[in-house]
N, C-alpha and C. Protein backbone atom coordinates (compact mmCIF):
# COMPACT_ATOMS: atom_id res chain seq x y z
N UNK A 1 -7.85 -5.08 4.73
CA UNK A 1 -6.57 -5.78 4.65
C UNK A 1 -6.25 -6.09 3.19
N UNK A 2 -6.34 -7.35 2.84
CA UNK A 2 -6.08 -7.72 1.46
C UNK A 2 -4.60 -7.65 1.12
N UNK A 3 -4.34 -7.57 -0.17
CA UNK A 3 -2.97 -7.61 -0.66
C UNK A 3 -2.72 -6.45 -1.62
N UNK A 4 -1.45 -6.19 -1.83
CA UNK A 4 -1.05 -5.23 -2.84
C UNK A 4 -0.67 -6.02 -4.08
N UNK A 5 -1.31 -5.69 -5.19
CA UNK A 5 -1.02 -6.40 -6.44
C UNK A 5 -0.19 -5.48 -7.32
N UNK A 6 0.96 -5.99 -7.76
CA UNK A 6 1.80 -5.20 -8.67
C UNK A 6 2.10 -6.02 -9.93
N UNK A 7 2.46 -5.32 -10.98
CA UNK A 7 2.78 -5.95 -12.26
C UNK A 7 4.29 -6.09 -12.38
N UNK A 8 4.73 -7.29 -12.69
CA UNK A 8 6.16 -7.53 -12.93
C UNK A 8 6.58 -6.83 -14.22
N UNK A 9 7.76 -6.23 -14.19
CA UNK A 9 8.36 -5.66 -15.40
C UNK A 9 9.74 -6.27 -15.59
N UNK A 10 10.09 -6.57 -16.83
CA UNK A 10 11.41 -7.10 -17.13
C UNK A 10 12.45 -5.99 -16.98
N UNK A 11 13.72 -6.37 -17.01
CA UNK A 11 14.80 -5.39 -16.87
C UNK A 11 14.74 -4.33 -17.96
N UNK A 12 14.23 -4.70 -19.13
CA UNK A 12 14.16 -3.72 -20.23
C UNK A 12 12.80 -3.02 -20.30
N UNK A 13 12.01 -3.15 -19.22
CA UNK A 13 10.79 -2.36 -19.11
C UNK A 13 9.53 -3.00 -19.68
N UNK A 14 9.62 -4.21 -20.21
CA UNK A 14 8.42 -4.88 -20.72
C UNK A 14 7.54 -5.31 -19.56
N UNK A 15 6.24 -5.32 -19.79
CA UNK A 15 5.29 -5.72 -18.75
C UNK A 15 4.38 -6.80 -19.32
N UNK A 16 4.79 -8.08 -19.19
CA UNK A 16 4.04 -9.17 -19.82
C UNK A 16 2.57 -9.25 -19.41
N UNK A 17 2.26 -8.93 -18.14
CA UNK A 17 0.86 -9.03 -17.71
C UNK A 17 0.02 -7.93 -18.37
N UNK A 18 0.62 -6.74 -18.53
CA UNK A 18 -0.10 -5.65 -19.19
C UNK A 18 -0.36 -6.01 -20.66
N UNK A 19 0.65 -6.61 -21.29
CA UNK A 19 0.49 -7.02 -22.69
C UNK A 19 -0.63 -8.05 -22.82
N UNK A 20 -0.70 -8.98 -21.85
CA UNK A 20 -1.76 -9.98 -21.85
C UNK A 20 -3.13 -9.32 -21.70
N UNK A 21 -3.26 -8.43 -20.72
CA UNK A 21 -4.54 -7.76 -20.49
C UNK A 21 -4.96 -6.96 -21.72
N UNK A 22 -3.99 -6.29 -22.35
CA UNK A 22 -4.30 -5.50 -23.54
C UNK A 22 -4.75 -6.37 -24.71
N UNK A 23 -4.36 -7.65 -24.70
CA UNK A 23 -4.69 -8.54 -25.81
C UNK A 23 -6.08 -9.16 -25.67
N UNK A 24 -6.68 -9.04 -24.50
CA UNK A 24 -7.96 -9.71 -24.25
C UNK A 24 -9.13 -8.91 -24.81
N UNK A 25 -10.19 -9.63 -25.21
CA UNK A 25 -11.42 -8.93 -25.57
C UNK A 25 -11.99 -8.24 -24.33
N UNK A 26 -12.78 -7.21 -24.51
CA UNK A 26 -13.29 -6.37 -23.42
C UNK A 26 -13.86 -7.12 -22.23
N UNK A 27 -14.80 -8.01 -22.47
CA UNK A 27 -15.47 -8.71 -21.37
C UNK A 27 -14.48 -9.58 -20.59
N UNK A 28 -13.57 -10.24 -21.30
CA UNK A 28 -12.57 -11.09 -20.64
C UNK A 28 -11.65 -10.22 -19.78
N UNK A 29 -11.21 -9.09 -20.32
CA UNK A 29 -10.34 -8.18 -19.57
C UNK A 29 -11.05 -7.69 -18.30
N UNK A 30 -12.34 -7.37 -18.43
CA UNK A 30 -13.11 -6.91 -17.26
C UNK A 30 -13.17 -7.98 -16.19
N UNK A 31 -13.40 -9.22 -16.60
CA UNK A 31 -13.51 -10.32 -15.64
C UNK A 31 -12.16 -10.56 -14.96
N UNK A 32 -11.07 -10.53 -15.73
CA UNK A 32 -9.73 -10.71 -15.16
C UNK A 32 -9.46 -9.62 -14.12
N UNK A 33 -9.75 -8.38 -14.48
CA UNK A 33 -9.52 -7.26 -13.56
C UNK A 33 -10.38 -7.40 -12.31
N UNK A 34 -11.62 -7.89 -12.48
CA UNK A 34 -12.51 -8.11 -11.34
C UNK A 34 -11.92 -9.13 -10.37
N UNK A 35 -11.42 -10.25 -10.91
CA UNK A 35 -10.81 -11.29 -10.05
C UNK A 35 -9.56 -10.74 -9.38
N UNK A 36 -8.76 -9.96 -10.10
CA UNK A 36 -7.55 -9.38 -9.50
C UNK A 36 -7.95 -8.40 -8.39
N UNK A 37 -9.09 -7.74 -8.55
CA UNK A 37 -9.62 -6.86 -7.50
C UNK A 37 -9.96 -7.64 -6.25
N UNK A 38 -10.55 -8.83 -6.43
CA UNK A 38 -10.84 -9.70 -5.28
C UNK A 38 -9.55 -10.05 -4.55
N UNK A 39 -8.52 -10.34 -5.33
CA UNK A 39 -7.22 -10.70 -4.78
C UNK A 39 -6.70 -9.57 -3.88
N UNK A 40 -6.91 -8.33 -4.32
CA UNK A 40 -6.47 -7.19 -3.52
C UNK A 40 -7.32 -7.01 -2.27
N UNK A 41 -8.64 -7.23 -2.40
CA UNK A 41 -9.57 -6.87 -1.33
C UNK A 41 -9.77 -7.94 -0.27
N UNK A 42 -9.62 -9.20 -0.64
CA UNK A 42 -9.95 -10.28 0.29
C UNK A 42 -8.69 -10.92 0.86
N UNK A 43 -8.78 -11.33 2.12
CA UNK A 43 -7.64 -12.01 2.74
C UNK A 43 -7.46 -13.41 2.18
N UNK A 44 -8.58 -14.10 1.98
CA UNK A 44 -8.53 -15.47 1.47
C UNK A 44 -9.47 -15.58 0.29
N UNK A 45 -8.95 -16.09 -0.80
CA UNK A 45 -9.78 -16.30 -1.99
C UNK A 45 -10.12 -17.78 -2.12
N UNK A 46 -11.31 -18.09 -2.62
CA UNK A 46 -11.61 -19.50 -2.87
C UNK A 46 -10.66 -20.08 -3.91
N UNK A 47 -10.38 -21.38 -3.79
CA UNK A 47 -9.45 -22.04 -4.71
C UNK A 47 -9.95 -21.98 -6.15
N UNK A 48 -11.24 -21.74 -6.33
CA UNK A 48 -11.75 -21.62 -7.71
C UNK A 48 -11.16 -20.39 -8.40
N UNK A 49 -10.67 -19.42 -7.60
CA UNK A 49 -10.07 -18.21 -8.17
C UNK A 49 -8.56 -18.13 -8.01
N UNK A 50 -8.02 -18.77 -6.97
CA UNK A 50 -6.62 -18.54 -6.63
C UNK A 50 -6.05 -19.81 -6.01
N UNK A 51 -5.02 -20.35 -6.63
CA UNK A 51 -4.53 -21.66 -6.20
C UNK A 51 -3.02 -21.74 -6.40
N UNK A 52 -2.35 -22.35 -5.41
CA UNK A 52 -0.90 -22.54 -5.52
C UNK A 52 -0.63 -23.72 -6.43
N UNK A 53 0.32 -23.58 -7.33
CA UNK A 53 0.70 -24.68 -8.21
C UNK A 53 1.65 -25.60 -7.44
N UNK A 54 1.29 -26.86 -7.36
CA UNK A 54 2.03 -27.84 -6.55
C UNK A 54 3.50 -27.90 -6.98
N UNK A 55 4.38 -27.90 -5.97
CA UNK A 55 5.81 -28.06 -6.24
C UNK A 55 6.49 -26.80 -6.76
N UNK A 56 5.80 -25.65 -6.67
CA UNK A 56 6.38 -24.39 -7.16
C UNK A 56 6.12 -23.29 -6.14
N UNK A 57 6.69 -22.12 -6.39
CA UNK A 57 6.37 -20.92 -5.60
C UNK A 57 5.40 -20.04 -6.37
N UNK A 58 4.78 -20.61 -7.37
CA UNK A 58 3.90 -19.86 -8.27
C UNK A 58 2.44 -20.11 -7.90
N UNK A 59 1.66 -19.06 -7.97
CA UNK A 59 0.21 -19.14 -7.76
C UNK A 59 -0.48 -18.85 -9.08
N UNK A 60 -1.70 -19.32 -9.18
CA UNK A 60 -2.47 -19.16 -10.41
C UNK A 60 -3.79 -18.48 -10.08
N UNK A 61 -4.03 -17.34 -10.71
CA UNK A 61 -5.36 -16.71 -10.66
C UNK A 61 -6.17 -17.33 -11.78
N UNK A 62 -7.35 -17.81 -11.42
CA UNK A 62 -8.15 -18.56 -12.39
C UNK A 62 -9.39 -17.77 -12.77
N UNK A 63 -9.53 -17.51 -14.04
CA UNK A 63 -10.66 -16.73 -14.53
C UNK A 63 -11.34 -17.51 -15.64
N UNK A 64 -12.65 -17.68 -15.51
CA UNK A 64 -13.41 -18.38 -16.54
C UNK A 64 -14.49 -17.45 -17.05
N UNK A 65 -14.63 -17.40 -18.35
CA UNK A 65 -15.69 -16.60 -18.96
C UNK A 65 -16.27 -17.43 -20.09
N UNK A 66 -17.51 -17.86 -19.90
CA UNK A 66 -18.10 -18.75 -20.88
C UNK A 66 -17.28 -20.03 -20.93
N UNK A 67 -16.87 -20.44 -22.12
CA UNK A 67 -16.08 -21.67 -22.24
C UNK A 67 -14.59 -21.39 -22.24
N UNK A 68 -14.20 -20.14 -22.07
CA UNK A 68 -12.78 -19.77 -22.08
C UNK A 68 -12.22 -19.73 -20.67
N UNK A 69 -11.00 -20.24 -20.54
CA UNK A 69 -10.30 -20.20 -19.25
C UNK A 69 -9.05 -19.36 -19.40
N UNK A 70 -8.93 -18.37 -18.54
CA UNK A 70 -7.76 -17.49 -18.54
C UNK A 70 -7.00 -17.73 -17.25
N UNK A 71 -5.68 -17.64 -17.34
CA UNK A 71 -4.85 -17.82 -16.16
C UNK A 71 -3.85 -16.68 -16.07
N UNK A 72 -3.68 -16.18 -14.87
CA UNK A 72 -2.66 -15.19 -14.58
C UNK A 72 -1.76 -15.81 -13.52
N UNK A 73 -0.48 -15.93 -13.82
CA UNK A 73 0.46 -16.51 -12.87
C UNK A 73 1.11 -15.39 -12.05
N UNK A 74 1.40 -15.72 -10.80
CA UNK A 74 1.93 -14.70 -9.90
C UNK A 74 2.70 -15.37 -8.77
N UNK A 75 3.32 -14.54 -7.93
CA UNK A 75 4.03 -15.05 -6.76
C UNK A 75 3.96 -13.99 -5.67
N UNK A 76 4.27 -14.40 -4.45
CA UNK A 76 4.28 -13.47 -3.32
C UNK A 76 5.68 -12.91 -3.14
N UNK A 77 5.76 -11.61 -2.91
CA UNK A 77 7.01 -10.95 -2.53
C UNK A 77 6.75 -10.40 -1.13
N UNK A 78 7.10 -11.17 -0.12
CA UNK A 78 6.70 -10.80 1.24
C UNK A 78 5.30 -11.34 1.49
N UNK A 79 4.70 -10.92 2.60
CA UNK A 79 3.42 -11.49 2.99
C UNK A 79 2.23 -10.95 2.23
N UNK A 80 2.29 -9.68 1.85
CA UNK A 80 1.06 -9.08 1.32
C UNK A 80 1.20 -8.52 -0.08
N UNK A 81 2.36 -8.71 -0.71
CA UNK A 81 2.54 -8.21 -2.07
C UNK A 81 2.47 -9.38 -3.05
N UNK A 82 1.56 -9.28 -4.01
CA UNK A 82 1.43 -10.30 -5.04
C UNK A 82 1.93 -9.70 -6.35
N UNK A 83 2.89 -10.37 -6.96
CA UNK A 83 3.48 -9.88 -8.20
C UNK A 83 2.92 -10.72 -9.35
N UNK A 84 2.18 -10.06 -10.25
CA UNK A 84 1.62 -10.75 -11.42
C UNK A 84 2.68 -10.83 -12.50
N UNK A 85 2.94 -12.03 -13.00
CA UNK A 85 3.99 -12.17 -14.01
C UNK A 85 3.43 -12.07 -15.42
N UNK A 86 2.52 -12.97 -15.77
CA UNK A 86 1.96 -12.96 -17.12
C UNK A 86 0.68 -13.78 -17.13
N UNK A 87 0.00 -13.75 -18.25
CA UNK A 87 -1.24 -14.50 -18.36
C UNK A 87 -1.28 -15.26 -19.67
N UNK A 88 -2.23 -16.18 -19.77
CA UNK A 88 -2.41 -16.94 -21.00
C UNK A 88 -3.82 -17.51 -21.02
N UNK A 89 -4.24 -17.92 -22.21
CA UNK A 89 -5.51 -18.60 -22.36
C UNK A 89 -5.24 -20.08 -22.17
N UNK A 90 -5.97 -20.69 -21.26
CA UNK A 90 -5.71 -22.09 -20.94
C UNK A 90 -6.47 -22.98 -21.90
N UNK A 91 -5.74 -23.88 -22.55
CA UNK A 91 -6.35 -24.76 -23.55
C UNK A 91 -6.38 -26.22 -23.11
N UNK A 92 -5.63 -26.56 -22.07
CA UNK A 92 -5.50 -27.96 -21.64
C UNK A 92 -5.89 -28.08 -20.17
N UNK A 93 -6.05 -29.32 -19.69
CA UNK A 93 -6.38 -29.56 -18.28
C UNK A 93 -5.30 -29.01 -17.37
N UNK A 94 -4.04 -29.36 -17.69
CA UNK A 94 -2.94 -28.96 -16.83
C UNK A 94 -2.38 -27.61 -17.28
N UNK A 95 -1.86 -26.88 -16.31
CA UNK A 95 -1.17 -25.64 -16.65
C UNK A 95 0.12 -26.02 -17.38
N UNK A 96 0.33 -25.47 -18.59
CA UNK A 96 1.52 -25.86 -19.37
C UNK A 96 2.82 -25.57 -18.61
N UNK A 97 3.73 -26.54 -18.64
CA UNK A 97 5.00 -26.42 -17.94
C UNK A 97 5.79 -25.20 -18.35
N UNK A 98 5.74 -24.87 -19.64
CA UNK A 98 6.54 -23.72 -20.11
C UNK A 98 6.03 -22.42 -19.50
N UNK A 99 4.72 -22.34 -19.20
CA UNK A 99 4.17 -21.13 -18.57
C UNK A 99 4.66 -21.02 -17.13
N UNK A 100 4.74 -22.17 -16.44
CA UNK A 100 5.23 -22.18 -15.06
C UNK A 100 6.71 -21.78 -15.03
N UNK A 101 7.48 -22.35 -15.95
CA UNK A 101 8.91 -22.01 -16.04
C UNK A 101 9.08 -20.52 -16.29
N UNK A 102 8.26 -19.97 -17.18
CA UNK A 102 8.32 -18.53 -17.48
C UNK A 102 8.06 -17.71 -16.21
N UNK A 103 7.02 -18.09 -15.46
CA UNK A 103 6.70 -17.37 -14.22
C UNK A 103 7.84 -17.49 -13.21
N UNK A 104 8.44 -18.68 -13.12
CA UNK A 104 9.55 -18.87 -12.17
C UNK A 104 10.77 -18.05 -12.59
N UNK A 105 11.00 -17.95 -13.88
CA UNK A 105 12.11 -17.13 -14.39
C UNK A 105 11.88 -15.67 -14.02
N UNK A 106 10.65 -15.19 -14.22
CA UNK A 106 10.32 -13.81 -13.85
C UNK A 106 10.48 -13.59 -12.35
N UNK A 107 10.08 -14.59 -11.55
CA UNK A 107 10.19 -14.48 -10.09
C UNK A 107 11.66 -14.35 -9.69
N UNK A 108 12.51 -15.22 -10.25
CA UNK A 108 13.95 -15.16 -9.92
C UNK A 108 14.52 -13.79 -10.29
N UNK A 109 14.14 -13.30 -11.46
CA UNK A 109 14.62 -12.00 -11.92
C UNK A 109 14.15 -10.90 -10.96
N UNK A 110 12.89 -10.94 -10.59
CA UNK A 110 12.31 -9.94 -9.69
C UNK A 110 13.06 -9.92 -8.36
N UNK A 111 13.27 -11.11 -7.78
CA UNK A 111 13.92 -11.19 -6.48
C UNK A 111 15.40 -10.80 -6.58
N UNK A 112 16.03 -11.14 -7.69
CA UNK A 112 17.44 -10.79 -7.89
C UNK A 112 17.60 -9.27 -7.98
N UNK A 113 16.68 -8.64 -8.68
CA UNK A 113 16.75 -7.18 -8.82
C UNK A 113 16.08 -6.46 -7.68
N UNK A 114 15.44 -7.22 -6.76
CA UNK A 114 14.76 -6.65 -5.58
C UNK A 114 13.92 -5.43 -5.98
N UNK A 115 13.03 -5.66 -6.91
CA UNK A 115 12.21 -4.55 -7.41
C UNK A 115 11.22 -4.15 -6.32
N UNK A 116 11.22 -2.87 -6.01
CA UNK A 116 10.30 -2.37 -4.99
C UNK A 116 8.95 -2.09 -5.64
N UNK A 117 7.87 -2.41 -4.89
CA UNK A 117 6.53 -2.14 -5.43
C UNK A 117 6.29 -0.66 -5.62
């Protein structure tokens, strides 16, 4: 079962999640891809890896490597399609509001353009 994971692209063809992955050091990128693989393969992920952000339609993939915390924000398009918007290195306890707003903006754009996976 699991889910289909797709990368969000802007109207002009940019892919923020790909840019994020490309910016990561090798081991961090491997760990992020591994967690995203779990997201595809498993029906339910532990909250330590995947958690809904309260008061939003945005979900957060949580990746930790050593003392570094990486986050990939995403949303559901239908029941089984997860759209990854972008990622960032988490420096604070709370997920920064501007990152959530960015993900919500991408979500609105995606749904408005009805991008097919």
